[in-house]
């Protein structure tokens, strides 16, 4: 999925679809789940083990659920930055 495009479409229509909301609430299809698979995750639930990434993912799901398009866009960028930081630390 391309969350940038999903957010753009939500912005144009004035909110997220029910499918968008369900995908944002699922660790496999949310922006956190779609980051590099090398990021450590819980083996049962699939959530990221990095606390900051976990919190960003929860906030993202809440923003999508409440149709806060601008905040979802901000959180997506933050998730991508944090994922890059986690990956950089793994490479050290």
PDB file of N, CA and C in Angstrom:
ATOM      1  N   UNK A   1       0.835  -1.185   0.000  1.00  0.00           N
ATOM      2  CA  UNK A   1       0.000   0.000   0.000  1.00  0.00           C
ATOM      3  C   UNK A   1       0.873   1.239   0.000  1.00  0.00           C
ATOM      4  N   UNK A   2       0.326   2.285  -0.523  1.00  0.00           N
ATOM      5  CA  UNK A   2       1.041   3.551  -0.540  1.00  0.00           C
ATOM      6  C   UNK A   2       0.256   4.536   0.332  1.00  0.00           C
ATOM      7  N   UNK A   3       0.720   4.691   1.562  1.00  0.00           N
ATOM      8  CA  UNK A   3      -0.008   5.546   2.493  1.00  0.00           C
ATOM      9  C   UNK A   3       0.021   7.009   2.085  1.00  0.00           C
ATOM     10  N   UNK A   4       1.039   7.441   1.368  1.00  0.00           N
ATOM     11  CA  UNK A   4       1.037   8.821   0.854  1.00  0.00           C
ATOM     12  C   UNK A   4      -0.181   9.038  -0.043  1.00  0.00           C
ATOM     13  N   UNK A   5      -0.424   8.098  -0.948  1.00  0.00           N
ATOM     14  CA  UNK A   5      -1.568   8.219  -1.859  1.00  0.00           C
ATOM     15  C   UNK A   5      -2.896   8.082  -1.117  1.00  0.00           C
ATOM     16  N   UNK A   6      -2.935   7.204  -0.132  1.00  0.00           N
ATOM     17  CA  UNK A   6      -4.161   7.037   0.654  1.00  0.00           C
ATOM     18  C   UNK A   6      -4.494   8.328   1.386  1.00  0.00           C
ATOM     19  N   UNK A   7      -3.478   8.955   1.962  1.00  0.00           N
ATOM     20  CA  UNK A   7      -3.698  10.223   2.670  1.00  0.00           C
ATOM     21  C   UNK A   7      -4.125  11.309   1.700  1.00  0.00           C
ATOM     22  N   UNK A   8      -3.499  11.368   0.529  1.00  0.00           N
ATOM     23  CA  UNK A   8      -3.909  12.353  -0.479  1.00  0.00           C
ATOM     24  C   UNK A   8      -5.371  12.162  -0.875  1.00  0.00           C
ATOM     25  N   UNK A   9      -5.778  10.916  -1.077  1.00  0.00           N
ATOM     26  CA  UNK A   9      -7.170  10.636  -1.458  1.00  0.00           C
ATOM     27  C   UNK A   9      -8.123  11.015  -0.327  1.00  0.00           C
ATOM     28  N   UNK A  10      -7.721  10.725   0.906  1.00  0.00           N
ATOM     29  CA  UNK A  10      -8.557  11.096   2.056  1.00  0.00           C
ATOM     30  C   UNK A  10      -8.694  12.611   2.153  1.00  0.00           C
ATOM     31  N   UNK A  11      -7.623  13.308   1.864  1.00  0.00           N
ATOM     32  CA  UNK A  11      -7.649  14.772   1.888  1.00  0.00           C
ATOM     33  C   UNK A  11      -8.631  15.295   0.838  1.00  0.00           C
ATOM     34  N   UNK A  12      -8.596  14.697  -0.348  1.00  0.00           N
ATOM     35  CA  UNK A  12      -9.475  15.142  -1.433  1.00  0.00           C
ATOM     36  C   UNK A  12     -10.948  14.851  -1.133  1.00  0.00           C
ATOM     37  N   UNK A  13     -11.228  13.735  -0.473  1.00  0.00           N
ATOM     38  CA  UNK A  13     -12.631  13.365  -0.216  1.00  0.00           C
ATOM     39  C   UNK A  13     -13.142  13.868   1.129  1.00  0.00           C
ATOM     40  N   UNK A  14     -12.220  14.324   1.976  1.00  0.00           N
ATOM     41  CA  UNK A  14     -12.624  14.846   3.285  1.00  0.00           C
ATOM     42  C   UNK A  14     -12.602  13.830   4.405  1.00  0.00           C
ATOM     43  N   UNK A  15     -11.935  12.716   4.198  1.00  0.00           N
ATOM     44  CA  UNK A  15     -11.815  11.719   5.260  1.00  0.00           C
ATOM     45  C   UNK A  15     -11.374  10.379   4.725  1.00  0.00           C
ATOM     46  N   UNK A  16     -11.070   9.505   5.651  1.00  0.00           N
ATOM     47  CA  UNK A  16     -10.610   8.164   5.301  1.00  0.00           C
ATOM     48  C   UNK A  16     -11.802   7.224   5.137  1.00  0.00           C
ATOM     49  N   UNK A  17     -11.614   6.195   4.331  1.00  0.00           N
ATOM     50  CA  UNK A  17     -12.663   5.186   4.148  1.00  0.00           C
ATOM     51  C   UNK A  17     -12.611   4.194   5.309  1.00  0.00           C
ATOM     52  N   UNK A  18     -13.646   3.385   5.425  1.00  0.00           N
ATOM     53  CA  UNK A  18     -13.656   2.337   6.448  1.00  0.00           C
ATOM     54  C   UNK A  18     -12.514   1.344   6.221  1.00  0.00           C
ATOM     55  N   UNK A  19     -12.211   1.061   4.965  1.00  0.00           N
ATOM     56  CA  UNK A  19     -11.101   0.154   4.655  1.00  0.00           C
ATOM     57  C   UNK A  19      -9.778   0.769   5.104  1.00  0.00           C
ATOM     58  N   UNK A  20      -9.584   2.064   4.842  1.00  0.00           N
ATOM     59  CA  UNK A  20      -8.369   2.753   5.303  1.00  0.00           C
ATOM     60  C   UNK A  20      -8.239   2.640   6.815  1.00  0.00           C
ATOM     61  N   UNK A  21      -9.343   2.837   7.516  1.00  0.00           N
ATOM     62  CA  UNK A  21      -9.325   2.799   8.978  1.00  0.00           C
ATOM     63  C   UNK A  21      -8.975   1.407   9.484  1.00  0.00           C
ATOM     64  N   UNK A  22      -9.520   0.382   8.848  1.00  0.00           N
ATOM     65  CA  UNK A  22      -9.206  -0.991   9.247  1.00  0.00           C
ATOM     66  C   UNK A  22      -7.739  -1.312   8.987  1.00  0.00           C
ATOM     67  N   UNK A  23      -7.210  -0.871   7.859  1.00  0.00           N
ATOM     68  CA  UNK A  23      -5.803  -1.134   7.537  1.00  0.00           C
ATOM     69  C   UNK A  23      -4.856  -0.360   8.443  1.00  0.00           C
ATOM     70  N   UNK A  24      -5.235   0.838   8.823  1.00  0.00           N
ATOM     71  CA  UNK A  24      -4.398   1.626   9.733  1.00  0.00           C
ATOM     72  C   UNK A  24      -4.361   1.004  11.121  1.00  0.00           C
ATOM     73  N   UNK A  25      -5.408   0.294  11.495  1.00  0.00           N
ATOM     74  CA  UNK A  25      -5.494  -0.326  12.816  1.00  0.00           C
ATOM     75  C   UNK A  25      -4.852  -1.713  12.866  1.00  0.00           C
ATOM     76  N   UNK A  26      -4.398  -2.224  11.748  1.00  0.00           N
ATOM     77  CA  UNK A  26      -3.802  -3.557  11.669  1.00  0.00           C
ATOM     78  C   UNK A  26      -2.288  -3.419  11.521  1.00  0.00           C
ATOM     79  N   UNK A  27      -1.523  -4.050  12.421  1.00  0.00           N
ATOM     80  CA  UNK A  27      -0.063  -3.888  12.401  1.00  0.00           C
ATOM     81  C   UNK A  27       0.565  -4.375  11.104  1.00  0.00           C
ATOM     82  N   UNK A  28      -0.077  -5.264  10.371  1.00  0.00           N
ATOM     83  CA  UNK A  28       0.504  -5.753   9.125  1.00  0.00           C
ATOM     84  C   UNK A  28       0.338  -4.773   7.973  1.00  0.00           C
ATOM     85  N   UNK A  29      -0.703  -3.956   8.024  1.00  0.00           N
ATOM     86  CA  UNK A  29      -0.988  -3.064   6.896  1.00  0.00           C
ATOM     87  C   UNK A  29      -0.857  -1.583   7.230  1.00  0.00           C
ATOM     88  N   UNK A  30      -0.570  -1.266   8.478  1.00  0.00           N
ATOM     89  CA  UNK A  30      -0.350   0.139   8.832  1.00  0.00           C
ATOM     90  C   UNK A  30       1.032   0.572   8.343  1.00  0.00           C
ATOM     91  N   UNK A  31       1.339   1.846   8.385  1.00  0.00           N
ATOM     92  CA  UNK A  31       2.657   2.284   7.922  1.00  0.00           C
ATOM     93  C   UNK A  31       3.823   1.628   8.674  1.00  0.00           C
ATOM     94  N   UNK A  32       3.641   1.314   9.947  1.00  0.00           N
ATOM     95  CA  UNK A  32       4.715   0.635  10.695  1.00  0.00           C
ATOM     96  C   UNK A  32       4.968  -0.758  10.127  1.00  0.00           C
ATOM     97  N   UNK A  33       3.898  -1.471   9.847  1.00  0.00           N
ATOM     98  CA  UNK A  33       4.016  -2.825   9.317  1.00  0.00           C
ATOM     99  C   UNK A  33       4.586  -2.873   7.918  1.00  0.00           C
ATOM    100  N   UNK A  34       4.455  -1.779   7.200  1.00  0.00           N
ATOM    101  CA  UNK A  34       4.941  -1.746   5.832  1.00  0.00           C
ATOM    102  C   UNK A  34       6.380  -1.260   5.718  1.00  0.00           C
ATOM    103  N   UNK A  35       6.990  -0.970   6.852  1.00  0.00           N
ATOM    104  CA  UNK A  35       8.399  -0.592   6.831  1.00  0.00           C
ATOM    105  C   UNK A  35       9.239  -1.858   6.644  1.00  0.00           C
ATOM    106  N   UNK A  36      10.524  -1.674   6.538  1.00  0.00           N
ATOM    107  CA  UNK A  36      11.465  -2.757   6.296  1.00  0.00           C
ATOM    108  C   UNK A  36      11.237  -3.936   7.256  1.00  0.00           C
ATOM    109  N   UNK A  37      11.163  -5.151   6.740  1.00  0.00           N
ATOM    110  CA  UNK A  37      10.906  -6.311   7.601  1.00  0.00           C
ATOM    111  C   UNK A  37      12.033  -6.625   8.585  1.00  0.00           C
ATOM    112  N   UNK A  38      13.181  -5.984   8.440  1.00  0.00           N
ATOM    113  CA  UNK A  38      14.266  -6.190   9.403  1.00  0.00           C
ATOM    114  C   UNK A  38      13.997  -5.511  10.737  1.00  0.00           C
ATOM    115  N   UNK A  39      13.037  -4.613  10.789  1.00  0.00           N
ATOM    116  CA  UNK A  39      12.696  -3.949  12.043  1.00  0.00           C
ATOM    117  C   UNK A  39      12.106  -5.001  12.980  1.00  0.00           C
ATOM    118  N   UNK A  40      12.668  -5.139  14.172  1.00  0.00           N
ATOM    119  CA  UNK A  40      12.169  -6.161  15.105  1.00  0.00           C
ATOM    120  C   UNK A  40      10.703  -5.938  15.467  1.00  0.00           C
ATOM    121  N   UNK A  41       9.945  -7.050  15.437  1.00  0.00           N
ATOM    122  CA  UNK A  41       8.512  -7.010  15.712  1.00  0.00           C
ATOM    123  C   UNK A  41       8.131  -8.133  16.677  1.00  0.00           C
ATOM    124  N   UNK A  42       7.024  -7.952  17.341  1.00  0.00           N
ATOM    125  CA  UNK A  42       6.475  -9.011  18.170  1.00  0.00           C
ATOM    126  C   UNK A  42       6.083 -10.179  17.253  1.00  0.00           C
ATOM    127  N   UNK A  43       6.492 -11.372  17.620  1.00  0.00           N
ATOM    128  CA  UNK A  43       6.257 -12.521  16.741  1.00  0.00           C
ATOM    129  C   UNK A  43       4.785 -12.925  16.650  1.00  0.00           C
ATOM    130  N   UNK A  44       3.986 -12.604  17.651  1.00  0.00           N
ATOM    131  CA  UNK A  44       2.570 -12.974  17.616  1.00  0.00           C
ATOM    132  C   UNK A  44       1.687 -11.872  17.035  1.00  0.00           C
ATOM    133  N   UNK A  45       1.849 -10.658  17.530  1.00  0.00           N
ATOM    134  CA  UNK A  45       0.966  -9.554  17.153  1.00  0.00           C
ATOM    135  C   UNK A  45       1.493  -8.733  15.977  1.00  0.00           C
ATOM    136  N   UNK A  46       2.790  -8.730  15.761  1.00  0.00           N
ATOM    137  CA  UNK A  46       3.370  -8.008  14.636  1.00  0.00           C
ATOM    138  C   UNK A  46       3.701  -6.555  14.891  1.00  0.00           C
ATOM    139  N   UNK A  47       3.452  -6.057  16.098  1.00  0.00           N
ATOM    140  CA  UNK A  47       3.763  -4.660  16.372  1.00  0.00           C
ATOM    141  C   UNK A  47       5.268  -4.473  16.528  1.00  0.00           C
ATOM    142  N   UNK A  48       5.777  -3.277  16.213  1.00  0.00           N
ATOM    143  CA  UNK A  48       7.218  -3.032  16.332  1.00  0.00           C
ATOM    144  C   UNK A  48       7.646  -3.049  17.797  1.00  0.00           C
ATOM    145  N   UNK A  49       8.825  -3.596  18.055  1.00  0.00           N
ATOM    146  CA  UNK A  49       9.347  -3.639  19.419  1.00  0.00           C
ATOM    147  C   UNK A  49       9.938  -2.303  19.847  1.00  0.00           C
ATOM    148  N   UNK A  50      10.265  -1.448  18.898  1.00  0.00           N
ATOM    149  CA  UNK A  50      10.756  -0.111  19.219  1.00  0.00           C
ATOM    150  C   UNK A  50       9.589   0.704  19.779  1.00  0.00           C
ATOM    151  N   UNK A  51       9.772   1.193  21.004  1.00  0.00           N
ATOM    152  CA  UNK A  51       8.681   1.896  21.694  1.00  0.00           C
ATOM    153  C   UNK A  51       8.211   3.136  20.933  1.00  0.00           C
ATOM    154  N   UNK A  52       9.134   3.910  20.395  1.00  0.00           N
ATOM    155  CA  UNK A  52       8.741   5.134  19.676  1.00  0.00           C
ATOM    156  C   UNK A  52       7.948   4.799  18.422  1.00  0.00           C
ATOM    157  N   UNK A  53       8.386   3.780  17.701  1.00  0.00           N
ATOM    158  CA  UNK A  53       7.673   3.376  16.491  1.00  0.00           C
ATOM    159  C   UNK A  53       6.285   2.827  16.851  1.00  0.00           C
ATOM    160  N   UNK A  54       6.204   2.092  17.931  1.00  0.00           N
ATOM    161  CA  UNK A  54       4.926   1.575  18.411  1.00  0.00           C
ATOM    162  C   UNK A  54       3.963   2.721  18.722  1.00  0.00           C
ATOM    163  N   UNK A  55       4.428   3.708  19.448  1.00  0.00           N
ATOM    164  CA  UNK A  55       3.578   4.853  19.805  1.00  0.00           C
ATOM    165  C   UNK A  55       3.139   5.627  18.565  1.00  0.00           C
ATOM    166  N   UNK A  56       4.046   5.813  17.628  1.00  0.00           N
ATOM    167  CA  UNK A  56       3.693   6.519  16.388  1.00  0.00           C
ATOM    168  C   UNK A  56       2.621   5.751  15.620  1.00  0.00           C
ATOM    169  N   UNK A  57       2.744   4.436  15.596  1.00  0.00           N
ATOM    170  CA  UNK A  57       1.744   3.619  14.909  1.00  0.00           C
ATOM    171  C   UNK A  57       0.374   3.722  15.551  1.00  0.00           C
ATOM    172  N   UNK A  58       0.342   3.709  16.871  1.00  0.00           N
ATOM    173  CA  UNK A  58      -0.932   3.856  17.578  1.00  0.00           C
ATOM    174  C   UNK A  58      -1.549   5.228  17.320  1.00  0.00           C
ATOM    175  N   UNK A  59      -0.719   6.260  17.334  1.00  0.00           N
ATOM    176  CA  UNK A  59      -1.216   7.616  17.048  1.00  0.00           C
ATOM    177  C   UNK A  59      -1.725   7.722  15.620  1.00  0.00           C
ATOM    178  N   UNK A  60      -1.009   7.073  14.693  1.00  0.00           N
ATOM    179  CA  UNK A  60      -1.429   7.100  13.287  1.00  0.00           C
ATOM    180  C   UNK A  60      -2.818   6.471  13.139  1.00  0.00           C
ATOM    181  N   UNK A  61      -3.015   5.302  13.749  1.00  0.00           N
ATOM    182  CA  UNK A  61      -4.319   4.638  13.663  1.00  0.00           C
ATOM    183  C   UNK A  61      -5.417   5.534  14.224  1.00  0.00           C
ATOM    184  N   UNK A  62      -5.133   6.214  15.326  1.00  0.00           N
ATOM    185  CA  UNK A  62      -6.120   7.112  15.932  1.00  0.00           C
ATOM    186  C   UNK A  62      -6.408   8.309  15.018  1.00  0.00           C
ATOM    187  N   UNK A  63      -5.381   8.843  14.384  1.00  0.00           N
ATOM    188  CA  UNK A  63      -5.571   9.973  13.465  1.00  0.00           C
ATOM    189  C   UNK A  63      -6.431   9.568  12.275  1.00  0.00           C
ATOM    190  N   UNK A  64      -6.177   8.398  11.725  1.00  0.00           N
ATOM    191  CA  UNK A  64      -6.970   7.915  10.601  1.00  0.00           C
ATOM    192  C   UNK A  64      -8.411   7.683  11.051  1.00  0.00           C
ATOM    193  N   UNK A  65      -8.579   7.060  12.193  1.00  0.00           N
ATOM    194  CA  UNK A  65      -9.927   6.785  12.716  1.00  0.00           C
ATOM    195  C   UNK A  65     -10.728   8.072  12.887  1.00  0.00           C
ATOM    196  N   UNK A  66     -10.060   9.143  13.304  1.00  0.00           N
ATOM    197  CA  UNK A  66     -10.767  10.412  13.533  1.00  0.00           C
ATOM    198  C   UNK A  66     -10.736  11.345  12.313  1.00  0.00           C
ATOM    199  N   UNK A  67     -10.278  10.823  11.175  1.00  0.00           N
ATOM    200  CA  UNK A  67     -10.221  11.587   9.922  1.00  0.00           C
ATOM    201  C   UNK A  67      -9.355  12.832  10.019  1.00  0.00           C
ATOM    202  N   UNK A  68      -8.316  12.767  10.821  1.00  0.00           N
ATOM    203  CA  UNK A  68      -7.373  13.884  10.943  1.00  0.00           C
ATOM    204  C   UNK A  68      -6.264  13.697   9.905  1.00  0.00           C
ATOM    205  N   UNK A  69      -6.564  14.125   8.703  1.00  0.00           N
ATOM    206  CA  UNK A  69      -5.681  13.904   7.559  1.00  0.00           C
ATOM    207  C   UNK A  69      -4.328  14.582   7.762  1.00  0.00           C
ATOM    208  N   UNK A  70      -4.331  15.802   8.217  1.00  0.00           N
ATOM    209  CA  UNK A  70      -3.068  16.538   8.386  1.00  0.00           C
ATOM    210  C   UNK A  70      -2.168  15.853   9.407  1.00  0.00           C
ATOM    211  N   UNK A  71      -2.725  15.409  10.511  1.00  0.00           N
ATOM    212  CA  UNK A  71      -1.916  14.747  11.534  1.00  0.00           C
ATOM    213  C   UNK A  71      -1.443  13.377  11.048  1.00  0.00           C
ATOM    214  N   UNK A  72      -2.284  12.665  10.296  1.00  0.00           N
ATOM    215  CA  UNK A  72      -1.871  11.379   9.725  1.00  0.00           C
ATOM    216  C   UNK A  72      -0.670  11.576   8.805  1.00  0.00           C
ATOM    217  N   UNK A  73      -0.683  12.649   8.021  1.00  0.00           N
ATOM    218  CA  UNK A  73       0.444  12.933   7.117  1.00  0.00           C
ATOM    219  C   UNK A  73       1.719  13.204   7.928  1.00  0.00           C
ATOM    220  N   UNK A  74       1.599  13.973   8.992  1.00  0.00           N
ATOM    221  CA  UNK A  74       2.740  14.270   9.864  1.00  0.00           C
ATOM    222  C   UNK A  74       3.270  12.992  10.505  1.00  0.00           C
ATOM    223  N   UNK A  75       2.356  12.146  10.975  1.00  0.00           N
ATOM    224  CA  UNK A  75       2.764  10.905  11.628  1.00  0.00           C
ATOM    225  C   UNK A  75       3.410   9.935  10.648  1.00  0.00           C
ATOM    226  N   UNK A  76       2.925   9.891   9.426  1.00  0.00           N
ATOM    227  CA  UNK A  76       3.541   9.021   8.424  1.00  0.00           C
ATOM    228  C   UNK A  76       5.005   9.400   8.229  1.00  0.00           C
ATOM    229  N   UNK A  77       5.278  10.688   8.119  1.00  0.00           N
ATOM    230  CA  UNK A  77       6.670  11.143   7.972  1.00  0.00           C
ATOM    231  C   UNK A  77       7.496  10.772   9.198  1.00  0.00           C
ATOM    232  N   UNK A  78       6.902  10.903  10.381  1.00  0.00           N
ATOM    233  CA  UNK A  78       7.612  10.557  11.613  1.00  0.00           C
ATOM    234  C   UNK A  78       7.886   9.058  11.683  1.00  0.00           C
ATOM    235  N   UNK A  79       6.941   8.242  11.254  1.00  0.00           N
ATOM    236  CA  UNK A  79       7.135   6.791  11.230  1.00  0.00           C
ATOM    237  C   UNK A  79       8.286   6.433  10.292  1.00  0.00           C
ATOM    238  N   UNK A  80       8.311   7.044   9.131  1.00  0.00           N
ATOM    239  CA  UNK A  80       9.381   6.756   8.169  1.00  0.00           C
ATOM    240  C   UNK A  80      10.740   7.186   8.704  1.00  0.00           C
ATOM    241  N   UNK A  81      10.794   8.339   9.378  1.00  0.00           N
ATOM    242  CA  UNK A  81      12.065   8.790   9.977  1.00  0.00           C
ATOM    243  C   UNK A  81      12.523   7.831  11.074  1.00  0.00           C
ATOM    244  N   UNK A  82      11.589   7.459  11.943  1.00  0.00           N
ATOM    245  CA  UNK A  82      11.956   6.573  13.053  1.00  0.00           C
ATOM    246  C   UNK A  82      12.372   5.194  12.537  1.00  0.00           C
ATOM    247  N   UNK A  83      11.695   4.696  11.544  1.00  0.00           N
ATOM    248  CA  UNK A  83      12.070   3.409  10.954  1.00  0.00           C
ATOM    249  C   UNK A  83      13.489   3.466  10.406  1.00  0.00           C
ATOM    250  N   UNK A  84      13.840   4.560   9.767  1.00  0.00           N
ATOM    251  CA  UNK A  84      15.206   4.726   9.241  1.00  0.00           C
ATOM    252  C   UNK A  84      16.221   4.743  10.381  1.00  0.00           C
ATOM    253  N   UNK A  85      15.871   5.384  11.494  1.00  0.00           N
ATOM    254  CA  UNK A  85      16.766   5.413  12.648  1.00  0.00           C
ATOM    255  C   UNK A  85      16.961   4.020  13.225  1.00  0.00           C
ATOM    256  N   UNK A  86      15.878   3.264  13.337  1.00  0.00           N
ATOM    257  CA  UNK A  86      15.959   1.897  13.871  1.00  0.00           C
ATOM    258  C   UNK A  86      16.834   1.039  12.951  1.00  0.00           C
ATOM    259  N   UNK A  87      16.631   1.165  11.653  1.00  0.00           N
ATOM    260  CA  UNK A  87      17.435   0.399  10.705  1.00  0.00           C
ATOM    261  C   UNK A  87      18.909   0.787  10.768  1.00  0.00           C
ATOM    262  N   UNK A  88      19.166   2.064  10.932  1.00  0.00           N
ATOM    263  CA  UNK A  88      20.563   2.526  11.037  1.00  0.00           C
ATOM    264  C   UNK A  88      21.228   1.921  12.258  1.00  0.00           C
ATOM    265  N   UNK A  89      20.509   1.856  13.374  1.00  0.00           N
ATOM    266  CA  UNK A  89      21.065   1.260  14.591  1.00  0.00           C
ATOM    267  C   UNK A  89      21.317  -0.242  14.396  1.00  0.00           C
ATOM    268  N   UNK A  90      20.462  -0.909  13.657  1.00  0.00           N
ATOM    269  CA  UNK A  90      20.665  -2.332  13.400  1.00  0.00           C
ATOM    270  C   UNK A  90      21.924  -2.587  12.581  1.00  0.00           C
ATOM    271  N   UNK A  91      22.253  -1.626  11.733  1.00  0.00           N
ATOM    272  CA  UNK A  91      23.431  -1.753  10.871  1.00  0.00           C
ATOM    273  C   UNK A  91      24.727  -1.450  11.563  1.00  0.00           C
ATOM    274  N   UNK A  92      24.683  -0.925  12.765  1.00  0.00           N
ATOM    275  CA  UNK A  92      25.911  -0.549  13.474  1.00  0.00           C
ATOM    276  C   UNK A  92      26.651  -1.750  14.000  1.00  0.00           C
TER     277      UNK A  92
END
